[in-house]
Amino acid sequence: MAEQTQLAVVGGGPGGYVSAFRAADLGIDVTLIDLDENPGGVCLYRGCIPSKALLHVAKLLNETREATEWGVTFGEPQIDLDKLRDFKDRVVARMTGGLGQLSKARKVNYIRGRARFTSAQSLSIDVHDGGTQDLTFEHAVLATGSRPIMLPAFDISSDRIMDSTGALELADVPGRLLVVGGGIIGLELGQVYAALGSSVSVVEMTDGLVPPGDRDLVRILQKRLDSQFEAIHLETKVTAVAEDGDGLKVTMEPVNGGDLIEERYDRVLLSIGRRPNSEDLGLENTKVQLDERGFVQADVQRRTAEPTIFAIGDVIGSALAHTASHEGIVAAEVISGKRAAFEPNAIPSVVYTDPELAWCGLTEAEAKQQGRKVQVARFPWAASGRATTLDRNDGVTKLIVDPETERVLGVGIVGPGAGELIAEGVLAVEMAALVSDVALSIHPHPTLSETVMEAAEAFHGLSPHINAPKRK
């Protein structure tokens, strides 16, 4: 006979396990199904967490080289790849193991295997250690995530072509590395390999790195990357990749015409986006609907067209771990009978490069596209005492403000620690704070956080540290 559960959560990433845990806390009988030994998903096993561990090491390596300017000289770092890999793996094991313990403490039934829907209220599970198991449920949350996109030109069965998962395995430090895609993942991993000693180049089809970010903030990041990378090819696409002895021959072409570029690299990292894991799930046995790109369609409560099935995270196009977690909470609360909907005003985006780049709410570019009148208040970190002590004056904090109501609509930050600072911006946008609320909130000195307060003061021309014109 099939086992029964009130809620089946398919996928154990930050969306799935958070949804399962919240449902369990609400008294629901939960079964969580995932392919890995413990909950965690791509984020903890092959994404957010291991990449941040390596970025931490990269920052340290860069600082040992920059310290000469401060009167402290270190010898050239000796990198033990085995120990570095072990450090990264220990971080992953500690966090995923902890989630396994939390799952047991909450009495969540965890099944390691692959699940497929056989109906709107039943699953067939290929269990990891062999055999199949049938499971019936009252509700299900689909949280199967996504995987890296592979383009036909790169599908040449070469172990020298990596996706983000392969890059995080850190098999070696290639002499020359080409990163295809100038987005968040590509730039983060590019900086890791550059710090470890690779000569890194980036090729990006659009006219700028990190396309969603405001150009004034991205320019500051790109200036630093220009000094760390061998080359950055914008408005350029890869047209051919071929094995070339113990390397790869790559042909690139400017998208607006021009001479072909031919270079030889030891490895290529393909990082051009991700596609949803919505195939081979038995969704044809349900009413769940997909769009033309394969994303599952869901409403603000994260219900699909099948009343018993909800969907969250990458599989519906919400490509951030923290977004998936909040969607998982909404789904669990709706299933428990609570009134809930996913309607945030500010979802933070962070690029964990050095400098970090972060934004939330309305961006300046979005305001321009919408034809919306806004006023932008900027505070350059050249006027920040704390940034000066760090020898990092290149940052900027800016507020996007409604000129009529003076409500803070968005915040953008570039500089060390921007990913931590943006949380204050999220709170301001979500609470409908006025720019005067931020200006009147006393911030500690000297800190980078006070650049948010000073940007708010600059809105009225009252910042003591910059000569900003007074607002009429």
Protein backbone atom coordinates (compact mmCIF):
# COMPACT_ATOMS: atom_id res chain seq x y z
CA MET A 1 0.00 0.00 0.00
CA ALA A 2 1.13 3.54 -0.72
CA GLU A 3 2.36 5.65 2.15
CA GLN A 4 0.35 8.75 2.95
CA THR A 5 1.32 12.29 3.93
CA GLN A 6 -0.51 15.58 4.25
CA LEU A 7 2.16 17.53 2.39
CA ALA A 8 4.76 16.25 -0.07
CA VAL A 9 7.58 18.69 -0.87
CA VAL A 10 9.49 17.72 -4.01
CA GLY A 11 12.95 19.30 -3.88
CA GLY A 12 15.09 20.05 -0.84
CA GLY A 13 16.67 23.40 -1.70
CA PRO A 14 16.18 26.69 0.21
CA GLY A 15 12.61 26.85 -1.09
CA GLY A 16 11.71 23.23 -0.45
CA TYR A 17 13.23 22.65 2.97
CA VAL A 18 12.03 26.02 4.32
CA SER A 19 8.51 25.22 3.11
CA ALA A 20 8.69 21.75 4.66
CA PHE A 21 9.99 23.11 7.97
CA ARG A 22 7.37 25.86 8.17
CA ALA A 23 4.60 23.37 7.39
CA ALA A 24 5.89 21.02 10.09
CA ASP A 25 5.97 23.92 12.57
CA LEU A 26 2.31 24.53 11.69
CA GLY A 27 1.42 20.95 12.62
CA ILE A 28 1.27 19.44 9.15
CA ASP A 29 2.57 15.93 8.46
CA VAL A 30 5.36 16.51 5.89
CA THR A 31 7.40 14.32 3.56
CA LEU A 32 10.40 15.95 1.88
CA ILE A 33 11.91 14.27 -1.20
CA ASP A 34 15.31 15.12 -2.70
CA LEU A 35 18.21 13.40 -4.47
CA ASP A 36 20.90 14.48 -1.99
CA GLU A 37 21.76 12.90 1.34
CA ASN A 38 20.43 15.89 3.28
CA PRO A 39 18.33 18.96 2.47
CA GLY A 40 20.18 21.89 0.93
CA GLY A 41 19.71 21.71 -2.81
CA VAL A 42 21.92 23.41 -5.38
CA CYS A 43 22.40 26.47 -3.15
CA LEU A 44 24.13 24.61 -0.34
CA TYR A 45 25.74 21.77 -2.27
CA ARG A 46 26.71 23.34 -5.60
CA GLY A 47 25.98 27.08 -5.52
CA CYS A 48 25.61 29.89 -2.99
CA ILE A 49 27.48 28.38 -0.08
CA PRO A 50 30.57 26.78 -1.68
CA SER A 51 31.02 29.81 -3.95
CA LYS A 52 30.99 32.18 -0.94
CA ALA A 53 33.56 30.03 0.85
CA LEU A 54 35.85 30.36 -2.17
CA LEU A 55 35.12 34.09 -2.54
CA HIS A 56 36.18 34.56 1.08
CA VAL A 57 39.53 32.96 0.27
CA ALA A 58 39.84 35.03 -2.92
CA LYS A 59 39.29 38.25 -0.95
CA LEU A 60 41.98 37.24 1.52
CA LEU A 61 44.43 36.49 -1.30
CA ASN A 62 43.77 39.87 -2.89
CA GLU A 63 44.22 41.69 0.41
CA THR A 64 47.62 40.07 1.01
CA ARG A 65 48.73 41.61 -2.28
CA GLU A 66 47.12 45.00 -1.63
CA ALA A 67 48.61 45.24 1.87
CA THR A 68 51.94 46.37 0.44
CA GLU A 69 50.34 49.79 -0.05
CA TRP A 70 49.63 49.89 3.68
CA GLY A 71 53.17 49.04 4.72
CA VAL A 72 52.68 45.32 5.25
CA THR A 73 54.32 42.92 2.82
CA PHE A 74 53.49 39.23 2.62
CA GLY A 75 55.29 36.62 0.60
CA GLU A 76 53.53 35.13 -2.41
CA PRO A 77 50.72 32.92 -1.05
CA GLN A 78 51.21 29.18 -1.36
CA ILE A 79 47.91 27.60 -2.39
CA ASP A 80 47.15 24.02 -1.39
CA LEU A 81 44.21 23.10 -3.61
CA ASP A 82 43.45 19.93 -1.67
CA LYS A 83 43.14 21.85 1.60
CA LEU A 84 41.13 24.61 -0.06
CA ARG A 85 38.78 22.05 -1.55
CA ASP A 86 38.50 20.36 1.84
CA PHE A 87 37.63 23.68 3.51
CA LYS A 88 34.88 24.29 0.97
CA ASP A 89 33.54 20.74 1.36
CA ARG A 90 33.55 21.00 5.17
CA VAL A 91 31.47 24.17 4.98
CA VAL A 92 28.94 22.37 2.77
CA ALA A 93 28.90 19.26 4.98
CA ARG A 94 28.38 21.26 8.16
CA MET A 95 25.43 23.17 6.78
CA THR A 96 23.70 20.30 4.99
CA GLY A 97 24.29 18.00 7.96
CA GLY A 98 22.73 20.59 10.22
CA LEU A 99 19.66 20.70 7.98
CA GLY A 100 19.42 16.93 8.21
CA GLN A 101 19.33 17.21 11.99
CA LEU A 102 16.72 19.97 11.85
CA SER A 103 14.61 17.82 9.55
CA LYS A 104 14.64 14.98 12.09
CA ALA A 105 13.96 17.34 14.99
CA ARG A 106 10.85 18.58 13.19
CA LYS A 107 9.81 15.00 12.43
CA VAL A 108 9.85 15.64 8.68
CA ASN A 109 9.91 12.34 6.79
CA TYR A 110 12.92 12.67 4.45
CA ILE A 111 13.13 10.40 1.41
CA ARG A 112 16.24 10.41 -0.73
CA GLY A 113 15.14 9.78 -4.29
CA ARG A 114 13.53 11.12 -7.46
CA ALA A 115 9.79 11.78 -7.40
CA ARG A 116 7.33 11.85 -10.31
CA PHE A 117 3.65 12.73 -10.18
CA THR A 118 1.33 9.90 -11.14
CA SER A 119 -1.77 11.99 -10.42
CA ALA A 120 -2.80 15.21 -8.73
CA GLN A 121 -2.45 13.50 -5.34
CA SER A 122 0.14 10.78 -5.79
CA LEU A 123 3.86 10.32 -6.45
CA SER A 124 6.09 7.46 -7.48
CA ILE A 125 9.57 7.74 -5.98
CA ASP A 126 12.72 6.05 -7.27
CA VAL A 127 14.45 5.58 -3.94
CA HIS A 128 18.20 6.23 -3.81
CA ASP A 129 19.14 2.83 -2.41
CA GLY A 130 16.95 0.93 -4.88
CA GLY A 131 13.30 0.19 -5.48
CA THR A 132 10.30 2.44 -5.81
CA GLN A 133 7.88 3.88 -3.30
CA ASP A 134 4.37 5.21 -3.85
CA LEU A 135 3.22 8.21 -1.86
CA THR A 136 -0.21 9.83 -1.71
CA PHE A 137 -0.67 13.39 -0.46
CA GLU A 138 -3.28 16.03 0.18
CA HIS A 139 -1.05 18.84 -1.13
CA ALA A 140 2.35 19.07 -2.77
CA VAL A 141 4.94 21.83 -3.16
CA LEU A 142 7.05 21.59 -6.30
CA ALA A 143 10.54 23.00 -5.62
CA THR A 144 12.79 21.19 -8.09
CA GLY A 145 15.02 24.17 -8.90
CA SER A 146 17.06 24.64 -12.06
CA ARG A 147 20.28 23.61 -13.81
CA PRO A 148 22.91 25.42 -15.89
CA ILE A 149 22.16 26.02 -19.57
CA MET A 150 24.44 24.25 -22.08
CA LEU A 151 24.63 25.67 -25.61
CA PRO A 152 25.15 23.39 -28.64
CA ALA A 153 28.43 25.12 -29.57
CA PHE A 154 29.94 24.01 -26.25
CA ASP A 155 28.58 20.47 -26.30
CA ILE A 156 31.80 18.86 -27.53
CA SER A 157 32.21 16.30 -24.73
CA SER A 158 35.27 18.05 -23.33
CA ASP A 159 36.07 18.04 -19.62
CA ARG A 160 37.74 21.41 -20.21
CA ILE A 161 34.30 23.02 -20.54
CA MET A 162 32.78 23.63 -17.11
CA ASP A 163 29.47 24.84 -15.81
CA SER A 164 29.20 26.46 -12.37
CA THR A 165 29.02 23.05 -10.68
CA GLY A 166 32.22 21.92 -12.36
CA ALA A 167 33.98 25.19 -11.56
CA LEU A 168 33.17 24.80 -7.86
CA GLU A 169 34.81 21.37 -7.82
CA LEU A 170 38.11 23.22 -8.23
CA ALA A 171 39.87 20.43 -10.13
CA ASP A 172 42.81 22.72 -10.96
CA VAL A 173 43.78 26.33 -11.54
CA PRO A 174 43.90 26.77 -15.33
CA GLY A 175 46.51 29.04 -16.83
CA ARG A 176 43.93 30.80 -19.00
CA LEU A 177 40.21 30.70 -18.30
CA LEU A 178 37.40 32.10 -20.45
CA VAL A 179 34.15 32.90 -18.65
CA VAL A 180 31.21 32.94 -21.07
CA GLY A 181 28.57 35.21 -19.57
CA GLY A 182 29.09 38.43 -17.64
CA GLY A 183 26.37 37.80 -15.07
CA ILE A 184 26.54 37.21 -11.35
CA ILE A 185 27.77 33.60 -11.26
CA GLY A 186 30.35 34.06 -14.00
CA LEU A 187 31.91 37.15 -12.42
CA GLU A 188 32.00 35.65 -8.93
CA LEU A 189 33.76 32.49 -10.11
CA GLY A 190 35.96 34.51 -12.44
CA GLN A 191 37.25 36.50 -9.48
CA VAL A 192 37.89 33.30 -7.53
CA TYR A 193 40.02 31.81 -10.29
CA ALA A 194 41.81 35.13 -10.93
CA ALA A 195 42.77 35.32 -7.25
CA LEU A 196 44.04 31.75 -7.37
CA GLY A 197 46.29 32.61 -10.30
CA SER A 198 44.33 32.08 -13.53
CA SER A 199 44.44 34.64 -16.32
CA VAL A 200 40.70 35.25 -16.72
CA SER A 201 38.78 36.71 -19.66
CA VAL A 202 35.03 37.34 -19.89
CA VAL A 203 32.83 37.40 -22.99
CA GLU A 204 29.32 38.89 -22.76
CA MET A 205 26.75 39.35 -25.54
CA THR A 206 25.15 42.51 -24.12
CA ASP A 207 26.76 45.94 -23.84
CA GLY A 208 27.49 45.65 -20.12
CA LEU A 209 28.24 43.30 -17.24
CA VAL A 210 25.50 42.33 -14.77
CA PRO A 211 22.67 43.44 -17.13
CA PRO A 212 20.01 43.98 -14.40
CA GLY A 213 22.21 46.35 -12.38
CA ASP A 214 22.24 50.13 -12.80
CA ARG A 215 25.12 51.18 -15.06
CA ASP A 216 26.63 53.73 -12.66
CA LEU A 217 27.06 51.01 -10.04
CA VAL A 218 28.24 48.33 -12.48
CA ARG A 219 30.91 50.67 -13.86
CA ILE A 220 32.62 50.76 -10.45
CA LEU A 221 32.71 46.97 -10.32
CA GLN A 222 33.93 46.72 -13.91
CA LYS A 223 36.78 49.16 -13.24
CA ARG A 224 38.13 46.80 -10.60
CA LEU A 225 37.57 43.75 -12.80
CA ASP A 226 39.52 45.46 -15.58
CA SER A 227 42.56 45.41 -13.30
CA GLN A 228 42.06 41.76 -12.32
CA PHE A 229 41.00 40.13 -15.60
CA GLU A 230 43.02 39.73 -18.78
CA ALA A 231 40.17 40.96 -20.99
CA ILE A 232 36.45 41.76 -20.96
CA HIS A 233 34.77 41.36 -24.35
CA LEU A 234 31.36 43.08 -24.39
CA GLU A 235 28.81 42.79 -27.22
CA THR A 236 30.63 39.65 -28.29
CA LYS A 237 29.46 36.07 -28.74
CA VAL A 238 31.25 32.74 -28.95
CA THR A 239 30.70 31.12 -32.34
CA ALA A 240 32.91 28.02 -32.09
CA VAL A 241 34.81 25.94 -29.55
CA ALA A 242 37.16 23.09 -30.47
CA GLU A 243 39.70 20.88 -28.76
CA ASP A 244 43.23 22.07 -29.46
CA GLY A 245 45.78 19.69 -27.99
CA ASP A 246 45.78 20.25 -24.24
CA GLY A 247 43.51 23.29 -24.53
CA LEU A 248 40.51 24.79 -26.29
CA LYS A 249 40.43 27.02 -29.34
CA VAL A 250 37.62 29.56 -29.01
CA THR A 251 36.30 31.79 -31.79
CA MET A 252 34.44 34.95 -30.80
CA GLU A 253 32.58 37.47 -32.95
CA PRO A 254 31.39 41.01 -32.15
CA VAL A 255 27.58 41.02 -32.34
CA ASN A 256 27.56 44.28 -34.33
CA GLY A 257 30.11 43.07 -36.85
CA GLY A 258 33.87 43.21 -36.84
CA ASP A 259 36.92 40.97 -36.94
CA LEU A 260 36.75 37.51 -35.44
CA ILE A 261 38.72 36.92 -32.26
CA GLU A 262 40.51 33.57 -31.89
CA GLU A 263 42.08 32.65 -28.57
CA ARG A 264 43.31 29.50 -26.85
CA TYR A 265 42.26 28.73 -23.28
CA ASP A 266 42.97 25.93 -20.86
CA ARG A 267 39.35 25.88 -19.67
CA VAL A 268 36.03 27.52 -20.46
CA LEU A 269 33.36 28.29 -17.85
CA LEU A 270 29.89 28.50 -19.39
CA SER A 271 27.67 30.69 -17.24
CA ILE A 272 24.83 32.08 -19.32
CA GLY A 273 21.86 31.27 -17.13
CA ARG A 274 19.81 28.35 -15.88
CA ARG A 275 16.80 26.40 -17.08
CA PRO A 276 13.97 25.05 -14.86
CA ASN A 277 13.91 21.42 -13.78
CA SER A 278 10.36 20.86 -14.96
CA GLU A 279 10.86 17.82 -17.21
CA ASP A 280 10.44 14.16 -16.27
CA LEU A 281 8.28 15.03 -13.27
CA GLY A 282 5.04 13.46 -14.48
CA LEU A 283 3.40 16.88 -14.71
CA GLU A 284 1.47 15.65 -17.73
CA ASN A 285 -0.52 13.59 -15.22
CA THR A 286 -1.69 16.81 -13.56
CA LYS A 287 -3.20 20.14 -14.60
CA VAL A 288 0.06 22.01 -13.89
CA GLN A 289 0.86 24.39 -16.74
CA LEU A 290 4.26 25.40 -18.16
CA ASP A 291 5.14 28.46 -20.22
CA GLU A 292 7.13 28.31 -23.47
CA ARG A 293 10.44 28.27 -21.56
CA GLY A 294 9.41 25.42 -19.28
CA PHE A 295 8.66 27.46 -16.16
CA VAL A 296 5.75 26.28 -14.02
CA GLN A 297 2.96 28.84 -13.76
CA ALA A 298 1.84 29.84 -10.25
CA ASP A 299 -0.23 32.65 -8.69
CA VAL A 300 0.58 34.98 -5.76
CA GLN A 301 -0.20 32.20 -3.30
CA ARG A 302 2.04 29.96 -5.40
CA ARG A 303 -0.85 27.72 -6.45
CA THR A 304 -0.56 26.07 -9.84
CA ALA A 305 -3.49 25.28 -12.14
CA GLU A 306 -3.77 22.00 -10.20
CA PRO A 307 -5.50 22.92 -6.91
CA THR A 308 -3.49 20.41 -4.85
CA ILE A 309 -0.06 21.43 -6.17
CA PHE A 310 1.94 24.57 -5.37
CA ALA A 311 5.25 25.62 -6.95
CA ILE A 312 8.11 27.85 -5.78
CA GLY A 313 11.66 28.93 -6.59
CA ASP A 314 13.71 28.48 -9.73
CA VAL A 315 11.15 26.17 -11.33
CA ILE A 316 8.71 29.12 -11.58
CA GLY A 317 11.42 31.65 -12.46
CA SER A 318 12.17 33.02 -8.99
CA ALA A 319 15.91 32.68 -9.36
CA LEU A 320 17.09 33.70 -5.88
CA ALA A 321 17.39 31.45 -2.85
CA HIS A 322 15.88 33.98 -0.44
CA THR A 323 12.93 34.52 -2.78
CA ALA A 324 12.29 30.77 -2.91
CA SER A 325 12.42 30.55 0.90
CA HIS A 326 9.75 33.23 1.32
CA GLU A 327 7.62 31.64 -1.39
CA GLY A 328 7.94 28.34 0.46
CA ILE A 329 6.67 29.97 3.64
CA VAL A 330 3.70 31.46 1.78
CA ALA A 331 2.81 28.08 0.26
CA ALA A 332 3.04 26.32 3.63
CA GLU A 333 0.86 28.92 5.32
CA VAL A 334 -1.77 28.85 2.56
CA ILE A 335 -1.88 25.06 2.79
CA SER A 336 -2.35 25.32 6.56
CA GLY A 337 -5.36 27.59 6.05
CA LYS A 338 -3.73 30.95 6.75
CA ARG A 339 -4.21 34.06 4.62
CA ALA A 340 -0.90 34.63 2.83
CA ALA A 341 0.42 35.87 -0.51
CA PHE A 342 3.81 36.57 -2.02
CA GLU A 343 3.70 40.32 -2.69
CA PRO A 344 7.07 41.87 -1.73
CA ASN A 345 8.00 45.44 -2.61
CA ALA A 346 11.74 44.82 -2.46
CA ILE A 347 13.63 41.64 -3.28
CA PRO A 348 17.36 42.20 -2.81
CA SER A 349 19.82 41.15 -5.50
CA VAL A 350 23.50 40.78 -4.59
CA VAL A 351 26.61 40.20 -6.68
CA TYR A 352 29.20 38.81 -4.25
CA THR A 353 32.20 40.04 -6.18
CA ASP A 354 34.72 42.48 -4.75
CA PRO A 355 33.38 45.14 -4.66
CA GLU A 356 29.95 43.73 -3.96
CA LEU A 357 27.00 45.12 -5.89
CA ALA A 358 23.48 45.10 -4.42
CA TRP A 359 20.12 46.66 -5.10
CA CYS A 360 16.48 46.35 -4.06
CA GLY A 361 13.16 47.88 -4.98
CA LEU A 362 12.98 50.18 -7.99
CA THR A 363 16.22 50.69 -9.90
CA GLU A 364 17.10 53.85 -11.77
CA ALA A 365 16.99 51.94 -15.06
CA GLU A 366 13.52 50.53 -14.29
CA ALA A 367 12.24 54.00 -13.45
CA LYS A 368 13.48 55.28 -16.79
CA GLN A 369 11.88 52.35 -18.66
CA GLN A 370 8.57 52.98 -16.90
CA GLY A 371 8.72 56.70 -17.54
CA ARG A 372 8.47 57.23 -13.80
CA LYS A 373 9.76 60.47 -12.34
CA VAL A 374 12.20 59.87 -9.50
CA GLN A 375 14.96 61.74 -7.74
CA VAL A 376 18.26 60.01 -7.02
CA ALA A 377 20.29 60.85 -3.92
CA ARG A 378 23.90 59.64 -4.01
CA PHE A 379 26.62 59.48 -1.41
CA PRO A 380 30.10 58.68 -2.77
CA TRP A 381 32.28 56.57 -0.52
CA ALA A 382 35.16 58.94 -1.22
CA ALA A 383 33.52 61.02 1.54
CA SER A 384 33.16 58.04 3.92
CA GLY A 385 35.57 57.86 6.82
CA ARG A 386 35.14 54.12 7.19
CA ALA A 387 35.68 53.46 3.48
CA THR A 388 38.83 55.58 3.67
CA THR A 389 40.21 53.48 6.53
CA LEU A 390 39.64 50.41 4.37
CA ASP A 391 41.37 52.09 1.39
CA ARG A 392 38.18 51.44 -0.58
CA ASN A 393 36.82 54.83 -1.60
CA ASP A 394 35.35 53.64 -4.90
CA GLY A 395 31.89 52.72 -3.55
CA VAL A 396 28.57 54.54 -3.91
CA THR A 397 25.27 54.39 -2.03
CA LYS A 398 22.17 55.78 -3.72
CA LEU A 399 18.49 56.10 -2.94
CA ILE A 400 15.71 56.16 -5.53
CA VAL A 401 13.08 58.53 -4.14
CA ASP A 402 9.58 59.59 -5.18
CA PRO A 403 9.98 63.38 -5.54
CA GLU A 404 6.40 64.11 -4.48
CA THR A 405 5.98 61.89 -1.41
CA GLU A 406 9.72 61.54 -0.65
CA ARG A 407 9.16 57.81 -0.15
CA VAL A 408 12.19 55.57 -0.67
CA LEU A 409 11.40 53.39 -3.69
CA GLY A 410 14.75 51.66 -4.16
CA VAL A 411 18.32 51.45 -2.95
CA GLY A 412 21.54 50.61 -4.80
CA ILE A 413 24.99 50.07 -3.30
CA VAL A 414 28.38 49.13 -4.69
CA GLY A 415 31.35 48.55 -2.41
CA PRO A 416 32.70 46.06 0.16
CA GLY A 417 29.85 44.65 2.25
CA ALA A 418 27.08 45.93 -0.03
CA GLY A 419 25.29 42.58 0.38
CA GLU A 420 24.98 43.20 4.12
CA LEU A 421 24.07 46.88 3.79
CA ILE A 422 21.23 46.30 1.32
CA ALA A 423 19.06 44.75 4.04
CA GLU A 424 18.57 48.25 5.45
CA GLY A 425 17.33 49.32 2.04
CA VAL A 426 14.90 46.40 1.90
CA LEU A 427 13.45 47.42 5.27
CA ALA A 428 13.11 51.05 4.17
CA VAL A 429 11.28 50.12 0.96
CA GLU A 430 9.03 47.52 2.59
CA MET A 431 8.09 49.88 5.44
CA ALA A 432 7.40 52.74 2.98
CA ALA A 433 9.98 54.85 4.78
CA LEU A 434 10.41 58.47 3.82
CA VAL A 435 13.88 59.70 3.00
CA SER A 436 13.66 61.85 6.15
CA ASP A 437 13.03 58.70 8.23
CA VAL A 438 16.34 57.29 7.03
CA ALA A 439 18.15 60.60 7.55
CA LEU A 440 16.85 60.91 11.12
CA SER A 441 17.83 57.35 12.05
CA ILE A 442 21.17 57.73 13.84
CA HIS A 443 23.82 55.45 12.34
CA PRO A 444 27.09 54.54 14.09
CA HIS A 445 30.27 56.34 13.04
CA PRO A 446 32.52 55.41 11.40
CA THR A 447 30.73 52.67 9.48
CA LEU A 448 29.80 51.90 5.92
CA SER A 449 26.15 51.74 7.01
CA GLU A 450 26.11 55.49 7.62
CA THR A 451 26.50 56.00 3.87
CA VAL A 452 22.78 55.10 3.69
CA MET A 453 21.96 57.85 6.19
CA GLU A 454 24.20 60.34 4.40
CA ALA A 455 22.62 59.54 1.04
CA ALA A 456 19.28 60.38 2.66
CA GLU A 457 20.73 63.62 4.05
CA ALA A 458 22.11 64.44 0.60
CA PHE A 459 18.55 64.30 -0.78
CA HIS A 460 17.84 67.57 1.04
CA GLY A 461 21.35 68.93 0.55
CA LEU A 462 22.14 68.46 4.23
CA SER A 463 24.98 65.91 4.22
CA PRO A 464 27.87 67.34 6.25
CA HIS A 465 30.46 65.48 4.20
CA ILE A 466 29.53 66.34 0.60
CA ASN A 467 28.45 69.58 -1.02
CA ALA A 468 25.12 68.39 -2.37
CA PRO A 469 22.74 71.03 -3.78
CA LYS A 470 19.67 71.69 -1.67
CA ARG A 471 16.41 70.35 -3.06
CA LYS A 472 13.95 72.98 -4.16
